[in-house]
Amino acid sequence: IRLVPATCVLEARMVLVSRRGEHELAEIDLWLRKIEADIIPVDSELVDLATQGWLTYGKGHHPAALNFADCLSYALAKRADEPLLFIGNDFSQTDMEAA
């Protein structure tokens, strides 16, 4: 399962375009299609789960220091009861199972 919060797609597009130019939009969309990503809209339940994730593991609350997009990814994985694919040490300091 390759669930991706819609807000994380927006953040990835913003970062990529800022660093490499607007032509990169097609690349990220191609990559999302290649991995067969299921882009999930952010609803009130996901916001509540992300808020709880931030209160528990967010910046200023925990050494994991999850940011905005991290909290939404955390929430989506929690709701789906799926492990999370990640790099770095932030999620390894949470209760999230690594994919």
N, C-alpha and C. Protein backbone atom coordinates (compact mmCIF):
# COMPACT_ATOMS: atom_id res chain seq x y z
N ILE A 1 0.85 -1.18 0.00
CA ILE A 1 0.00 0.00 0.00
C ILE A 1 0.89 1.23 0.00
N ARG A 2 0.60 2.18 -0.87
CA ARG A 2 1.38 3.41 -0.96
C ARG A 2 0.44 4.61 -0.79
N LEU A 3 0.08 4.86 0.44
CA LEU A 3 -0.81 5.96 0.77
C LEU A 3 0.02 7.22 1.00
N VAL A 4 -0.40 8.31 0.39
CA VAL A 4 0.31 9.58 0.54
C VAL A 4 -0.72 10.68 0.82
N PRO A 5 -0.56 11.41 1.93
CA PRO A 5 -1.48 12.52 2.18
C PRO A 5 -1.34 13.59 1.08
N ALA A 6 -2.44 14.13 0.64
CA ALA A 6 -2.42 15.15 -0.41
C ALA A 6 -1.54 16.33 -0.03
N THR A 7 -1.52 16.69 1.24
CA THR A 7 -0.70 17.81 1.69
C THR A 7 0.79 17.53 1.50
N CYS A 8 1.18 16.27 1.61
CA CYS A 8 2.59 15.91 1.42
C CYS A 8 2.98 16.00 -0.06
N VAL A 9 2.04 15.70 -0.94
CA VAL A 9 2.30 15.87 -2.37
C VAL A 9 2.51 17.35 -2.67
N LEU A 10 1.67 18.19 -2.11
CA LEU A 10 1.83 19.64 -2.29
C LEU A 10 3.18 20.10 -1.77
N GLU A 11 3.56 19.66 -0.58
CA GLU A 11 4.84 20.07 -0.01
C GLU A 11 6.00 19.61 -0.89
N ALA A 12 5.95 18.37 -1.37
CA ALA A 12 7.01 17.86 -2.24
C ALA A 12 7.10 18.67 -3.53
N ARG A 13 5.96 18.99 -4.11
CA ARG A 13 5.96 19.81 -5.33
C ARG A 13 6.56 21.19 -5.06
N MET A 14 6.18 21.80 -3.95
CA MET A 14 6.68 23.14 -3.62
C MET A 14 8.20 23.12 -3.44
N VAL A 15 8.71 22.14 -2.73
CA VAL A 15 10.15 22.05 -2.48
C VAL A 15 10.89 21.78 -3.79
N LEU A 16 10.40 20.84 -4.57
CA LEU A 16 11.08 20.49 -5.81
C LEU A 16 11.10 21.65 -6.79
N VAL A 17 9.99 22.33 -6.96
CA VAL A 17 9.94 23.47 -7.88
C VAL A 17 10.83 24.60 -7.37
N SER A 18 10.84 24.84 -6.07
CA SER A 18 11.70 25.89 -5.51
C SER A 18 13.17 25.60 -5.75
N ARG A 19 13.55 24.35 -5.68
CA ARG A 19 14.96 23.97 -5.81
C ARG A 19 15.40 23.74 -7.25
N ARG A 20 14.49 23.22 -8.08
CA ARG A 20 14.90 22.78 -9.42
C ARG A 20 14.11 23.37 -10.58
N GLY A 21 13.01 24.03 -10.29
CA GLY A 21 12.23 24.64 -11.35
C GLY A 21 10.92 23.93 -11.62
N GLU A 22 10.03 24.65 -12.28
CA GLU A 22 8.67 24.17 -12.51
C GLU A 22 8.60 22.90 -13.36
N HIS A 23 9.60 22.69 -14.20
CA HIS A 23 9.61 21.49 -15.04
C HIS A 23 9.62 20.20 -14.22
N GLU A 24 9.99 20.28 -12.96
CA GLU A 24 10.06 19.10 -12.09
C GLU A 24 8.68 18.59 -11.67
N LEU A 25 7.64 19.40 -11.86
CA LEU A 25 6.29 18.94 -11.51
C LEU A 25 5.94 17.64 -12.22
N ALA A 26 6.29 17.57 -13.49
CA ALA A 26 5.99 16.36 -14.26
C ALA A 26 6.74 15.15 -13.71
N GLU A 27 7.95 15.38 -13.22
CA GLU A 27 8.76 14.28 -12.67
C GLU A 27 8.14 13.70 -11.41
N ILE A 28 7.71 14.57 -10.52
CA ILE A 28 7.13 14.04 -9.27
C ILE A 28 5.80 13.35 -9.55
N ASP A 29 5.03 13.88 -10.48
CA ASP A 29 3.76 13.22 -10.83
C ASP A 29 4.01 11.87 -11.49
N LEU A 30 5.06 11.77 -12.32
CA LEU A 30 5.43 10.50 -12.94
C LEU A 30 5.85 9.50 -11.87
N TRP A 31 6.65 9.95 -10.92
CA TRP A 31 7.10 9.08 -9.83
C TRP A 31 5.91 8.57 -9.02
N LEU A 32 4.96 9.45 -8.72
CA LEU A 32 3.77 9.03 -7.96
C LEU A 32 2.97 7.98 -8.73
N ARG A 33 2.88 8.14 -10.05
CA ARG A 33 2.19 7.14 -10.87
C ARG A 33 2.97 5.82 -10.88
N LYS A 34 4.30 5.92 -10.99
CA LYS A 34 5.14 4.72 -11.04
C LYS A 34 5.00 3.87 -9.78
N ILE A 35 4.95 4.52 -8.64
CA ILE A 35 4.84 3.75 -7.39
C ILE A 35 3.37 3.44 -7.06
N GLU A 36 2.48 3.84 -7.95
CA GLU A 36 1.05 3.62 -7.78
C GLU A 36 0.55 4.19 -6.46
N ALA A 37 0.95 5.43 -6.21
CA ALA A 37 0.56 6.12 -4.97
C ALA A 37 -0.93 6.39 -4.97
N ASP A 38 -1.51 6.22 -3.82
CA ASP A 38 -2.91 6.55 -3.61
C ASP A 38 -2.92 7.85 -2.80
N ILE A 39 -3.24 8.96 -3.46
CA ILE A 39 -3.23 10.28 -2.82
C ILE A 39 -4.51 10.40 -1.99
N ILE A 40 -4.33 10.59 -0.69
CA ILE A 40 -5.47 10.60 0.23
C ILE A 40 -5.79 12.02 0.66
N PRO A 41 -7.04 12.46 0.49
CA PRO A 41 -7.43 13.79 0.96
C PRO A 41 -7.33 13.87 2.49
N VAL A 42 -7.07 15.05 2.96
CA VAL A 42 -7.00 15.27 4.41
C VAL A 42 -8.39 15.62 4.91
N ASP A 43 -8.91 14.77 5.78
CA ASP A 43 -10.23 15.00 6.37
C ASP A 43 -10.08 15.30 7.86
N SER A 44 -11.19 15.54 8.53
CA SER A 44 -11.12 15.93 9.94
C SER A 44 -10.55 14.82 10.82
N GLU A 45 -10.82 13.58 10.49
CA GLU A 45 -10.26 12.47 11.27
C GLU A 45 -8.74 12.45 11.16
N LEU A 46 -8.24 12.65 9.94
CA LEU A 46 -6.79 12.67 9.73
C LEU A 46 -6.16 13.85 10.47
N VAL A 47 -6.83 14.99 10.45
CA VAL A 47 -6.33 16.16 11.18
C VAL A 47 -6.26 15.86 12.68
N ASP A 48 -7.27 15.21 13.22
CA ASP A 48 -7.25 14.85 14.64
C ASP A 48 -6.11 13.90 14.97
N LEU A 49 -5.89 12.89 14.12
CA LEU A 49 -4.80 11.95 14.34
C LEU A 49 -3.44 12.64 14.21
N ALA A 50 -3.32 13.54 13.24
CA ALA A 50 -2.07 14.29 13.06
C ALA A 50 -1.81 15.20 14.25
N THR A 51 -2.86 15.80 14.77
CA THR A 51 -2.71 16.65 15.96
C THR A 51 -2.22 15.83 17.14
N GLN A 52 -2.79 14.65 17.32
CA GLN A 52 -2.34 13.77 18.41
C GLN A 52 -0.89 13.35 18.19
N GLY A 53 -0.54 13.07 16.95
CA GLY A 53 0.85 12.73 16.63
C GLY A 53 1.80 13.86 16.95
N TRP A 54 1.38 15.09 16.65
CA TRP A 54 2.20 16.26 16.95
C TRP A 54 2.33 16.48 18.46
N LEU A 55 1.22 16.33 19.19
CA LEU A 55 1.27 16.49 20.64
C LEU A 55 2.20 15.46 21.29
N THR A 56 2.26 14.28 20.70
CA THR A 56 3.08 13.21 21.26
C THR A 56 4.52 13.26 20.75
N TYR A 57 4.71 13.49 19.44
CA TYR A 57 6.04 13.36 18.83
C TYR A 57 6.51 14.61 18.07
N GLY A 58 5.76 15.68 18.12
CA GLY A 58 6.07 16.85 17.32
C GLY A 58 7.20 17.71 17.86
N LYS A 59 7.65 18.62 16.99
CA LYS A 59 8.68 19.59 17.39
C LYS A 59 8.23 20.32 18.64
N GLY A 60 9.13 20.41 19.60
CA GLY A 60 8.82 21.08 20.85
C GLY A 60 8.16 20.18 21.88
N HIS A 61 7.83 18.96 21.47
CA HIS A 61 7.16 18.02 22.38
C HIS A 61 7.96 16.74 22.60
N HIS A 62 8.83 16.41 21.64
CA HIS A 62 9.49 15.10 21.68
C HIS A 62 10.76 15.17 20.83
N PRO A 63 11.79 14.37 21.15
CA PRO A 63 13.01 14.36 20.34
C PRO A 63 12.79 13.97 18.87
N ALA A 64 11.73 13.23 18.57
CA ALA A 64 11.45 12.89 17.16
C ALA A 64 11.22 14.15 16.34
N ALA A 65 10.65 15.17 16.96
CA ALA A 65 10.44 16.49 16.34
C ALA A 65 9.73 16.42 14.98
N LEU A 66 8.63 15.68 14.92
CA LEU A 66 7.89 15.59 13.67
C LEU A 66 7.37 16.95 13.24
N ASN A 67 7.47 17.22 11.92
CA ASN A 67 6.96 18.48 11.38
C ASN A 67 5.55 18.27 10.82
N PHE A 68 5.03 19.28 10.17
CA PHE A 68 3.67 19.26 9.63
C PHE A 68 3.41 18.03 8.76
N ALA A 69 4.22 17.86 7.72
CA ALA A 69 4.02 16.74 6.80
C ALA A 69 4.26 15.41 7.49
N ASP A 70 5.26 15.36 8.38
CA ASP A 70 5.52 14.14 9.14
C ASP A 70 4.28 13.72 9.92
N CYS A 71 3.66 14.68 10.57
CA CYS A 71 2.48 14.37 11.40
C CYS A 71 1.33 13.82 10.56
N LEU A 72 1.17 14.34 9.35
CA LEU A 72 0.11 13.83 8.48
C LEU A 72 0.44 12.43 7.97
N SER A 73 1.70 12.19 7.65
CA SER A 73 2.12 10.84 7.23
C SER A 73 1.94 9.86 8.37
N TYR A 74 2.33 10.27 9.56
CA TYR A 74 2.15 9.45 10.76
C TYR A 74 0.66 9.11 10.94
N ALA A 75 -0.18 10.11 10.84
CA ALA A 75 -1.62 9.93 11.04
C ALA A 75 -2.21 8.97 10.01
N LEU A 76 -1.80 9.12 8.76
CA LEU A 76 -2.34 8.26 7.71
C LEU A 76 -1.91 6.81 7.92
N ALA A 77 -0.66 6.60 8.28
CA ALA A 77 -0.18 5.23 8.54
C ALA A 77 -0.90 4.63 9.75
N LYS A 78 -1.11 5.45 10.78
CA LYS A 78 -1.83 4.98 11.96
C LYS A 78 -3.26 4.57 11.60
N ARG A 79 -3.95 5.45 10.85
CA ARG A 79 -5.34 5.17 10.49
C ARG A 79 -5.45 3.90 9.64
N ALA A 80 -4.49 3.72 8.74
CA ALA A 80 -4.52 2.55 7.86
C ALA A 80 -3.95 1.30 8.53
N ASP A 81 -3.37 1.48 9.72
CA ASP A 81 -2.71 0.38 10.43
C ASP A 81 -1.66 -0.28 9.54
N GLU A 82 -0.83 0.58 8.93
CA GLU A 82 0.22 0.14 8.03
C GLU A 82 1.57 0.67 8.52
N PRO A 83 2.67 -0.03 8.20
CA PRO A 83 3.99 0.51 8.52
C PRO A 83 4.29 1.72 7.64
N LEU A 84 5.27 2.50 8.03
CA LEU A 84 5.60 3.74 7.33
C LEU A 84 7.00 3.65 6.74
N LEU A 85 7.12 3.97 5.46
CA LEU A 85 8.42 4.03 4.80
C LEU A 85 9.02 5.40 5.06
N PHE A 86 10.20 5.44 5.66
CA PHE A 86 10.83 6.72 5.99
C PHE A 86 12.34 6.58 6.00
N ILE A 87 13.01 7.73 5.94
CA ILE A 87 14.46 7.79 6.11
C ILE A 87 14.73 8.70 7.30
N GLY A 88 15.92 8.62 7.84
CA GLY A 88 16.26 9.46 8.98
C GLY A 88 15.86 8.82 10.29
N ASN A 89 16.04 9.57 11.36
CA ASN A 89 15.83 9.03 12.70
C ASN A 89 14.55 9.51 13.37
N ASP A 90 13.81 10.40 12.73
CA ASP A 90 12.64 10.97 13.41
C ASP A 90 11.57 9.91 13.71
N PHE A 91 11.11 9.19 12.71
CA PHE A 91 10.04 8.22 12.94
C PHE A 91 10.50 7.02 13.76
N SER A 92 11.81 6.73 13.74
CA SER A 92 12.31 5.61 14.54
C SER A 92 12.19 5.90 16.04
N GLN A 93 11.94 7.15 16.40
CA GLN A 93 11.76 7.54 17.80
C GLN A 93 10.28 7.59 18.19
N THR A 94 9.42 7.10 17.31
CA THR A 94 7.98 7.07 17.58
C THR A 94 7.53 5.61 17.74
N ASP A 95 6.25 5.41 17.86
CA ASP A 95 5.70 4.06 17.95
C ASP A 95 5.38 3.48 16.57
N MET A 96 5.85 4.16 15.52
CA MET A 96 5.54 3.76 14.15
C MET A 96 6.42 2.59 13.72
N GLU A 97 5.80 1.58 13.11
CA GLU A 97 6.55 0.46 12.55
C GLU A 97 7.15 0.88 11.21
N ALA A 98 8.41 0.55 11.00
CA ALA A 98 9.08 0.90 9.74
C ALA A 98 8.71 -0.11 8.65
N ALA A 99 8.48 0.41 7.45
CA ALA A 99 8.18 -0.46 6.30
C ALA A 99 9.47 -1.00 5.71
